[in-house]
Amino acid sequence: MQNEWILDVLLDLRAVAQKHGLDALSAQLDISRKVAAAEIASQMDGAPLRADADDGWSGDDPRGLGARYRS
């Protein structure tokens, strides 16, 4: 629960990006919020993610936004 504030910050940043017409940034922040929520939830379940583990993500975002997609 101690890291849930990050979700609020990402939501606020996305709102600002939308307000200023930064659609790609807004979409990326939405993805980032979902990733953060999943990671926070996994840590709350007692299964922290390992940095050296195969994370199941592959490939760059075809739109060039830096996101990665599950294979």
N, C-alpha and C. Protein backbone atom coordinates (compact mmCIF):
# COMPACT_ATOMS: atom_id res chain seq x y z
N MET A 1 0.81 -1.20 0.00
CA MET A 1 0.00 0.00 0.00
C MET A 1 0.85 1.26 0.00
N GLN A 2 2.09 1.13 0.41
CA GLN A 2 2.93 2.31 0.52
C GLN A 2 3.30 2.93 -0.83
N ASN A 3 3.17 2.18 -1.92
CA ASN A 3 3.55 2.70 -3.23
C ASN A 3 2.36 3.12 -4.09
N GLU A 4 1.16 3.05 -3.56
CA GLU A 4 -0.01 3.37 -4.37
C GLU A 4 -0.08 4.84 -4.77
N TRP A 5 0.64 5.71 -4.09
CA TRP A 5 0.67 7.12 -4.45
C TRP A 5 1.20 7.30 -5.87
N ILE A 6 2.03 6.36 -6.31
CA ILE A 6 2.60 6.44 -7.66
C ILE A 6 1.49 6.40 -8.71
N LEU A 7 0.45 5.62 -8.44
CA LEU A 7 -0.67 5.52 -9.37
C LEU A 7 -1.37 6.86 -9.52
N ASP A 8 -1.53 7.58 -8.42
CA ASP A 8 -2.15 8.91 -8.47
C ASP A 8 -1.30 9.90 -9.25
N VAL A 9 0.00 9.84 -9.06
CA VAL A 9 0.91 10.75 -9.78
C VAL A 9 0.83 10.48 -11.28
N LEU A 10 0.86 9.21 -11.67
CA LEU A 10 0.77 8.87 -13.09
C LEU A 10 -0.57 9.32 -13.68
N LEU A 11 -1.63 9.19 -12.91
CA LEU A 11 -2.95 9.64 -13.37
C LEU A 11 -2.98 11.16 -13.56
N ASP A 12 -2.37 11.88 -12.63
CA ASP A 12 -2.31 13.34 -12.75
C ASP A 12 -1.48 13.76 -13.96
N LEU A 13 -0.35 13.09 -14.18
CA LEU A 13 0.49 13.40 -15.34
C LEU A 13 -0.26 13.13 -16.65
N ARG A 14 -1.02 12.03 -16.68
CA ARG A 14 -1.80 11.71 -17.87
C ARG A 14 -2.85 12.78 -18.13
N ALA A 15 -3.49 13.28 -17.08
CA ALA A 15 -4.50 14.34 -17.24
C ALA A 15 -3.88 15.60 -17.82
N VAL A 16 -2.70 15.95 -17.35
CA VAL A 16 -2.01 17.13 -17.87
C VAL A 16 -1.62 16.92 -19.33
N ALA A 17 -1.14 15.74 -19.65
CA ALA A 17 -0.77 15.44 -21.04
C ALA A 17 -1.99 15.54 -21.95
N GLN A 18 -3.12 15.01 -21.51
CA GLN A 18 -4.35 15.10 -22.30
C GLN A 18 -4.79 16.55 -22.49
N LYS A 19 -4.70 17.31 -21.42
CA LYS A 19 -5.12 18.72 -21.46
C LYS A 19 -4.32 19.50 -22.50
N HIS A 20 -3.05 19.13 -22.66
CA HIS A 20 -2.17 19.85 -23.58
C HIS A 20 -2.04 19.17 -24.94
N GLY A 21 -2.90 18.20 -25.20
CA GLY A 21 -2.92 17.56 -26.51
C GLY A 21 -1.75 16.64 -26.78
N LEU A 22 -1.12 16.14 -25.74
CA LEU A 22 0.01 15.22 -25.90
C LEU A 22 -0.52 13.79 -25.86
N ASP A 23 -1.12 13.40 -26.96
CA ASP A 23 -1.83 12.12 -27.01
C ASP A 23 -0.92 10.91 -26.83
N ALA A 24 0.25 10.92 -27.46
CA ALA A 24 1.17 9.79 -27.33
C ALA A 24 1.67 9.66 -25.89
N LEU A 25 1.99 10.78 -25.28
CA LEU A 25 2.43 10.76 -23.89
C LEU A 25 1.31 10.28 -22.97
N SER A 26 0.11 10.73 -23.23
CA SER A 26 -1.03 10.30 -22.45
C SER A 26 -1.22 8.79 -22.53
N ALA A 27 -1.11 8.24 -23.73
CA ALA A 27 -1.24 6.79 -23.91
C ALA A 27 -0.13 6.05 -23.18
N GLN A 28 1.08 6.57 -23.26
CA GLN A 28 2.20 5.92 -22.59
C GLN A 28 2.04 5.96 -21.07
N LEU A 29 1.56 7.06 -20.54
CA LEU A 29 1.33 7.16 -19.10
C LEU A 29 0.22 6.21 -18.65
N ASP A 30 -0.77 5.99 -19.50
CA ASP A 30 -1.81 5.03 -19.18
C ASP A 30 -1.24 3.62 -19.09
N ILE A 31 -0.37 3.28 -20.02
CA ILE A 31 0.32 1.98 -19.99
C ILE A 31 1.18 1.89 -18.74
N SER A 32 1.90 2.94 -18.44
CA SER A 32 2.78 2.96 -17.26
C SER A 32 1.99 2.77 -15.98
N ARG A 33 0.81 3.37 -15.92
CA ARG A 33 -0.03 3.21 -14.73
C ARG A 33 -0.49 1.77 -14.57
N LYS A 34 -0.84 1.12 -15.67
CA LYS A 34 -1.25 -0.28 -15.61
C LYS A 34 -0.10 -1.18 -15.18
N VAL A 35 1.10 -0.91 -15.69
CA VAL A 35 2.27 -1.68 -15.30
C VAL A 35 2.56 -1.47 -13.81
N ALA A 36 2.51 -0.23 -13.37
CA ALA A 36 2.76 0.08 -11.96
C ALA A 36 1.74 -0.61 -11.06
N ALA A 37 0.48 -0.59 -11.46
CA ALA A 37 -0.56 -1.24 -10.66
C ALA A 37 -0.32 -2.74 -10.55
N ALA A 38 0.07 -3.36 -11.65
CA ALA A 38 0.34 -4.80 -11.64
C ALA A 38 1.55 -5.12 -10.77
N GLU A 39 2.57 -4.31 -10.87
CA GLU A 39 3.77 -4.56 -10.06
C GLU A 39 3.50 -4.36 -8.58
N ILE A 40 2.77 -3.32 -8.25
CA ILE A 40 2.42 -3.07 -6.85
C ILE A 40 1.57 -4.21 -6.31
N ALA A 41 0.61 -4.66 -7.11
CA ALA A 41 -0.25 -5.76 -6.68
C ALA A 41 0.57 -7.04 -6.48
N SER A 42 1.53 -7.30 -7.34
CA SER A 42 2.33 -8.52 -7.20
C SER A 42 3.18 -8.47 -5.94
N GLN A 43 3.64 -7.30 -5.57
CA GLN A 43 4.43 -7.18 -4.35
C GLN A 43 3.55 -7.33 -3.12
N MET A 44 2.31 -6.89 -3.21
CA MET A 44 1.39 -7.04 -2.09
C MET A 44 1.01 -8.50 -1.89
N ASP A 45 1.05 -9.27 -2.96
CA ASP A 45 0.74 -10.70 -2.88
C ASP A 45 1.93 -11.51 -2.37
N GLY A 46 3.03 -10.83 -2.06
CA GLY A 46 4.20 -11.50 -1.54
C GLY A 46 5.10 -12.12 -2.59
N ALA A 47 4.91 -11.71 -3.84
CA ALA A 47 5.73 -12.25 -4.91
C ALA A 47 6.39 -11.10 -5.68
N PRO A 48 7.40 -10.47 -5.09
CA PRO A 48 8.04 -9.35 -5.78
C PRO A 48 8.68 -9.79 -7.09
N LEU A 49 8.67 -8.90 -8.06
CA LEU A 49 9.28 -9.19 -9.34
C LEU A 49 10.80 -9.13 -9.22
N ARG A 50 11.46 -10.04 -9.90
CA ARG A 50 12.92 -10.06 -9.89
C ARG A 50 13.44 -9.33 -11.12
N ALA A 51 14.46 -8.53 -10.94
CA ALA A 51 15.03 -7.77 -12.04
C ALA A 51 15.70 -8.68 -13.07
N ASP A 52 16.21 -9.82 -12.63
CA ASP A 52 16.92 -10.71 -13.54
C ASP A 52 16.04 -11.79 -14.15
N ALA A 53 14.77 -11.79 -13.82
CA ALA A 53 13.86 -12.82 -14.34
C ALA A 53 13.39 -12.46 -15.73
N ASP A 54 13.04 -13.47 -16.50
CA ASP A 54 12.43 -13.25 -17.81
C ASP A 54 11.05 -12.67 -17.56
N ASP A 55 10.84 -11.44 -17.98
CA ASP A 55 9.60 -10.76 -17.65
C ASP A 55 8.47 -11.03 -18.65
N GLY A 56 8.73 -11.78 -19.70
CA GLY A 56 7.68 -12.10 -20.65
C GLY A 56 7.37 -10.97 -21.61
N TRP A 57 8.11 -9.89 -21.55
CA TRP A 57 7.88 -8.76 -22.45
C TRP A 57 8.85 -8.89 -23.61
N SER A 58 8.38 -8.53 -24.79
CA SER A 58 9.26 -8.58 -25.94
C SER A 58 8.85 -7.53 -26.95
N GLY A 59 9.82 -7.05 -27.65
CA GLY A 59 9.57 -6.13 -28.74
C GLY A 59 9.23 -4.72 -28.31
N ASP A 60 9.68 -3.77 -29.12
CA ASP A 60 9.37 -2.38 -28.87
C ASP A 60 8.01 -2.04 -29.44
N ASP A 61 7.46 -0.96 -28.96
CA ASP A 61 6.19 -0.45 -29.45
C ASP A 61 6.34 -0.09 -30.93
N PRO A 62 5.49 -0.62 -31.79
CA PRO A 62 5.61 -0.32 -33.22
C PRO A 62 5.39 1.15 -33.53
N ARG A 63 4.78 1.88 -32.60
CA ARG A 63 4.59 3.32 -32.82
C ARG A 63 5.80 4.12 -32.38
N GLY A 64 6.82 3.44 -31.85
CA GLY A 64 8.03 4.13 -31.43
C GLY A 64 7.89 4.86 -30.12
N LEU A 65 6.92 4.47 -29.26
CA LEU A 65 6.70 5.18 -28.02
C LEU A 65 7.49 4.60 -26.86
N GLY A 66 8.22 3.51 -27.10
CA GLY A 66 9.04 2.94 -26.06
C GLY A 66 8.36 1.88 -25.23
N ALA A 67 7.07 1.66 -25.43
CA ALA A 67 6.38 0.62 -24.67
C ALA A 67 6.78 -0.75 -25.20
N ARG A 68 6.63 -1.74 -24.37
CA ARG A 68 6.90 -3.11 -24.78
C ARG A 68 5.65 -3.93 -24.59
N TYR A 69 5.49 -4.92 -25.42
CA TYR A 69 4.29 -5.73 -25.39
C TYR A 69 4.60 -7.17 -25.02
N ARG A 70 3.66 -7.79 -24.33
CA ARG A 70 3.82 -9.21 -23.98
C ARG A 70 3.81 -10.06 -25.23
N SER A 71 4.67 -11.05 -25.24
CA SER A 71 4.74 -11.95 -26.39
C SER A 71 3.76 -13.08 -26.25
